[in-house]
Each structure stands twice: as structure tokens, then as C-alpha cells.
């Protein structure tokens, strides 16, 4: 019986925008799909196999789901990484950094409402978690079917061997009687 091998996951890493990203996937093509890009980042040298043990462990805990962290950060990879640090303005000739203009009094600008974005990201996370659970269930069911198929194949082989022996005994008896 030929068994279908379980696809071994590899962990790939790239930089997307302000974030480093890792994903555990069976192939480069699957990693590109998980990152949501058609551009072959591997051919351009922008993506590679991950070498960081912590990144590999984090990605293998969430197969098929891209994990991120701020570029240059030593923070762990996660589904919801912290925002990257903004670089400080370089000083020129020892002078203090230029001050930013303050908004005029009375025009306090509030940050935009993130509730819709947070809800959409939560839905995406739930969809990804559901798919990971489905894949685990498919793998479990596939293994059970393969085991059942192997048992049936062995039972068939034993029954066939017994039937072949019976045919040989009957043939020998037939020939002894002159047939």
C-alpha cells in the first residue's frame, strides 16, 4: 500500500512593510498565499527559510497563519504585534531636534475609531483558527481512513491466500480422480 506522506511544514520569513513575518507552510507557494502576495519574494531574495528557533517554534504553533513583529524588534512573533517604534529625528550640528507644530487650541484631533478594524481583525483570526482546526480534523480522519484501508487490505490478502490454497487442494484432488 502506498501511503500519502504527511506534508512537512517549513518556516519561511520575510519583511512586509514595517513588520517581519513568519509562516509555517509546506511550500514556498503556500507561504506566499498565506502572506497574500503573488510576487515571488523567494526569487527576489526577500523571503527565506527562518533560522531563528523562537520564530520557528511560534510559526509551528500556528501553521498556515502569518505571524508578525516590528522590524528590528526582538519581541516574539504574534498575531497582533506591537506597533513599530518611530525613529527619532536626527540632530543636525548638535542642535536640538526640530519641534513639531502643535495643533491650535480648540481643534483637538482625536485618533480615528479602531473598533471596525479590531472587529475585522478578530473575525480574520477566528477564520484562521477555524481553518487550523479543520486541517487537524482532516489529518485525523485521513489517518483513520488509511488505517482502515490497511486493515481491509490485509484481510483481503489473507482471504485470497486461503482461497488460492483451497483452489490448489481442489485441483489436486480433481487430478487424482482422473480429471
Protein backbone atom coordinates (compact mmCIF):
# COMPACT_ATOMS: atom_id res chain seq x y z
CA UNK A 1 0.00 0.00 0.00
CA UNK A 2 1.30 3.42 -0.86
CA UNK A 3 0.78 5.93 1.92
CA UNK A 4 0.45 9.63 1.28
CA UNK A 5 3.20 11.31 3.29
CA UNK A 6 2.22 14.00 5.78
CA UNK A 7 3.40 17.28 4.33
CA UNK A 8 6.30 18.52 6.43
CA UNK A 9 6.00 22.16 7.34
CA UNK A 10 8.84 24.59 6.76
CA UNK A 11 9.02 28.02 8.34
CA UNK A 12 9.58 30.95 5.98
CA UNK A 13 10.42 34.56 6.88
CA UNK A 14 10.15 37.90 5.09
CA UNK A 15 9.74 41.60 5.76
CA UNK A 16 6.39 43.11 4.85
CA UNK A 17 6.18 46.84 5.42
CA UNK A 18 7.17 47.70 8.98
CA UNK A 19 6.96 44.08 10.12
CA UNK A 20 8.99 40.89 9.95
CA UNK A 21 6.68 37.99 9.21
CA UNK A 22 7.00 34.22 9.56
CA UNK A 23 4.66 31.46 8.42
CA UNK A 24 4.77 27.67 8.71
CA UNK A 25 3.78 26.20 5.34
CA UNK A 26 4.53 23.06 3.32
CA UNK A 27 5.97 25.02 0.38
CA UNK A 28 7.10 28.44 -0.78
CA UNK A 29 3.92 28.81 -2.84
CA UNK A 30 1.79 28.10 0.24
CA UNK A 31 3.79 30.67 2.22
CA UNK A 32 3.23 33.30 -0.48
CA UNK A 33 -0.52 32.55 -0.43
CA UNK A 34 -0.59 32.88 3.36
CA UNK A 35 1.16 36.25 3.11
CA UNK A 36 -1.37 37.26 0.45
CA UNK A 37 1.12 38.08 -2.29
CA UNK A 38 1.55 36.94 -5.89
CA UNK A 39 5.02 38.42 -6.05
CA UNK A 40 7.66 35.70 -5.71
CA UNK A 41 9.54 37.06 -2.72
CA UNK A 42 11.81 33.99 -2.73
CA UNK A 43 13.08 34.62 -6.26
CA UNK A 44 13.85 38.22 -5.31
CA UNK A 45 15.69 37.17 -2.17
CA UNK A 46 13.19 38.97 0.05
CA UNK A 47 11.96 35.75 1.70
CA UNK A 48 13.88 32.80 3.05
CA UNK A 49 13.74 29.87 5.43
CA UNK A 50 13.62 31.10 9.03
CA UNK A 51 16.68 30.29 11.14
CA UNK A 52 15.56 31.78 14.48
CA UNK A 53 14.43 28.93 16.78
CA UNK A 54 11.91 31.13 18.60
CA UNK A 55 10.38 32.23 15.28
CA UNK A 56 10.20 28.63 14.06
CA UNK A 57 8.51 27.48 17.27
CA UNK A 58 5.96 30.33 17.15
CA UNK A 59 5.13 29.67 13.49
CA UNK A 60 4.73 25.92 14.02
CA UNK A 61 2.22 26.67 16.81
CA UNK A 62 0.06 28.46 14.17
CA UNK A 63 0.61 26.60 10.85
CA UNK A 64 -0.56 28.48 7.78
CA UNK A 65 -1.07 31.73 9.72
CA UNK A 66 1.38 34.59 9.22
CA UNK A 67 2.85 35.93 12.47
CA UNK A 68 4.46 39.36 12.72
CA UNK A 69 6.71 41.55 14.85
CA UNK A 70 8.11 45.02 14.32
CA UNK A 71 11.20 45.17 12.08
CA UNK A 72 14.38 45.07 14.15
CA UNK A 73 12.50 44.08 17.29
CA UNK A 74 13.42 41.12 19.45
CA UNK A 75 9.79 40.74 20.54
CA UNK A 76 8.19 37.36 19.91
CA UNK A 77 6.23 36.82 16.71
CA UNK A 78 2.47 37.05 17.25
CA UNK A 79 -0.86 37.51 15.52
CA UNK A 80 -1.24 41.04 16.96
CA UNK A 81 2.25 42.56 17.23
CA UNK A 82 3.07 45.86 18.89
CA UNK A 83 3.43 48.91 16.70
CA UNK A 84 6.97 49.57 15.49
CA UNK A 85 8.96 52.32 17.20
CA UNK A 86 9.22 55.53 15.22
CA UNK A 87 12.80 56.63 14.69
CA UNK A 88 13.88 59.81 16.42
CA UNK A 89 14.72 62.81 14.29
CA UNK A 90 18.48 63.05 13.85
CA UNK A 91 20.19 66.11 15.29
CA UNK A 92 21.98 68.45 12.93
CA UNK A 93 25.23 70.00 14.08
CA UNK A 94 24.42 69.28 17.71
CA UNK A 95 21.20 71.28 17.61
CA UNK A 96 18.05 70.04 19.26
CA UNK A 97 15.58 68.25 17.04
CA UNK A 98 13.05 70.46 15.30
CA UNK A 99 9.82 70.81 17.21
CA UNK A 100 6.62 69.81 15.55
CA UNK A 101 3.92 72.39 15.18
CA UNK A 102 1.17 71.99 17.75
CA UNK A 103 -2.42 71.99 16.69
CA UNK A 104 -4.18 75.22 17.51
CA UNK A 105 -6.15 75.19 20.76
CA UNK A 106 -9.72 74.02 20.38
CA UNK A 107 -9.00 71.78 17.37
CA UNK A 108 -8.06 68.69 19.34
CA UNK A 109 -7.91 65.96 16.77
CA UNK A 110 -8.89 62.59 18.18
CA UNK A 111 -7.40 59.42 16.73
CA UNK A 112 -9.68 57.54 14.35
CA UNK A 113 -12.01 54.89 15.77
CA UNK A 114 -10.40 51.41 15.57
CA UNK A 115 -13.46 49.39 16.54
CA UNK A 116 -14.33 48.32 12.98
CA UNK A 117 -10.71 47.38 12.25
CA UNK A 118 -10.40 45.46 15.53
CA UNK A 119 -13.63 43.58 14.80
CA UNK A 120 -12.48 42.72 11.25
CA UNK A 121 -9.11 41.50 12.54
CA UNK A 122 -10.86 39.41 15.21
CA UNK A 123 -13.07 37.83 12.51
CA UNK A 124 -9.99 37.07 10.41
CA UNK A 125 -8.27 35.49 13.42
CA UNK A 126 -11.35 33.35 14.12
CA UNK A 127 -11.47 32.23 10.47
CA UNK A 128 -7.77 31.30 10.57
CA UNK A 129 -8.22 29.40 13.86
CA UNK A 130 -11.22 27.54 12.42
CA UNK A 131 -9.19 26.52 9.35
CA UNK A 132 -6.32 25.25 11.51
CA UNK A 133 -8.83 23.12 13.47
CA UNK A 134 -10.37 21.85 10.21
CA UNK A 135 -6.97 20.83 8.87
CA UNK A 136 -6.20 18.96 12.10
CA UNK A 137 -9.56 17.18 11.83
CA UNK A 138 -8.90 16.31 8.16
CA UNK A 139 -5.48 14.90 9.10
CA UNK A 140 -7.02 12.80 11.91
CA UNK A 141 -9.76 11.47 9.61
CA UNK A 142 -7.24 10.78 6.81
CA UNK A 143 -5.07 8.75 9.20
CA UNK A 144 -8.12 6.79 10.41
CA UNK A 145 -9.13 6.02 6.79
CA UNK A 146 -5.61 4.94 5.91
CA UNK A 147 -5.55 2.59 8.93
CA UNK A 148 -8.97 1.17 7.98
CA UNK A 149 -7.82 0.70 4.37
CA UNK A 150 -4.69 -1.12 5.56
CA UNK A 151 -6.75 -3.47 7.77
CA UNK A 152 -9.12 -4.20 4.86
CA UNK A 153 -6.19 -4.81 2.52
CA UNK A 154 -4.60 -7.27 4.97
CA UNK A 155 -7.93 -9.09 5.48
CA UNK A 156 -8.35 -9.34 1.69
CA UNK A 157 -4.79 -10.68 1.26
CA UNK A 158 -5.35 -13.35 3.93
CA UNK A 159 -8.74 -14.37 2.48
CA UNK A 160 -7.30 -14.51 -1.03
CA UNK A 161 -4.34 -16.63 0.08
CA UNK A 162 -6.70 -19.08 1.84
CA UNK A 163 -8.95 -19.22 -1.24
CA UNK A 164 -5.93 -19.88 -3.50
CA UNK A 165 -4.83 -22.74 -1.21
CA UNK A 166 -8.38 -24.19 -1.38
CA UNK A 167 -8.32 -23.98 -5.19
CA UNK A 168 -4.95 -25.79 -5.27
CA UNK A 169 -6.25 -28.55 -2.93
CA UNK A 170 -9.42 -28.98 -5.02
CA UNK A 171 -7.38 -29.03 -8.25
CA UNK A 172 -5.03 -31.67 -6.84
CA UNK A 173 -8.00 -33.79 -5.68
CA UNK A 174 -9.64 -33.43 -9.11
CA UNK A 175 -6.46 -34.58 -10.87
CA UNK A 176 -6.13 -37.57 -8.54
CA UNK A 177 -9.61 -38.73 -9.60
CA UNK A 178 -8.59 -38.60 -13.25
CA UNK A 179 -9.73 -35.13 -14.14
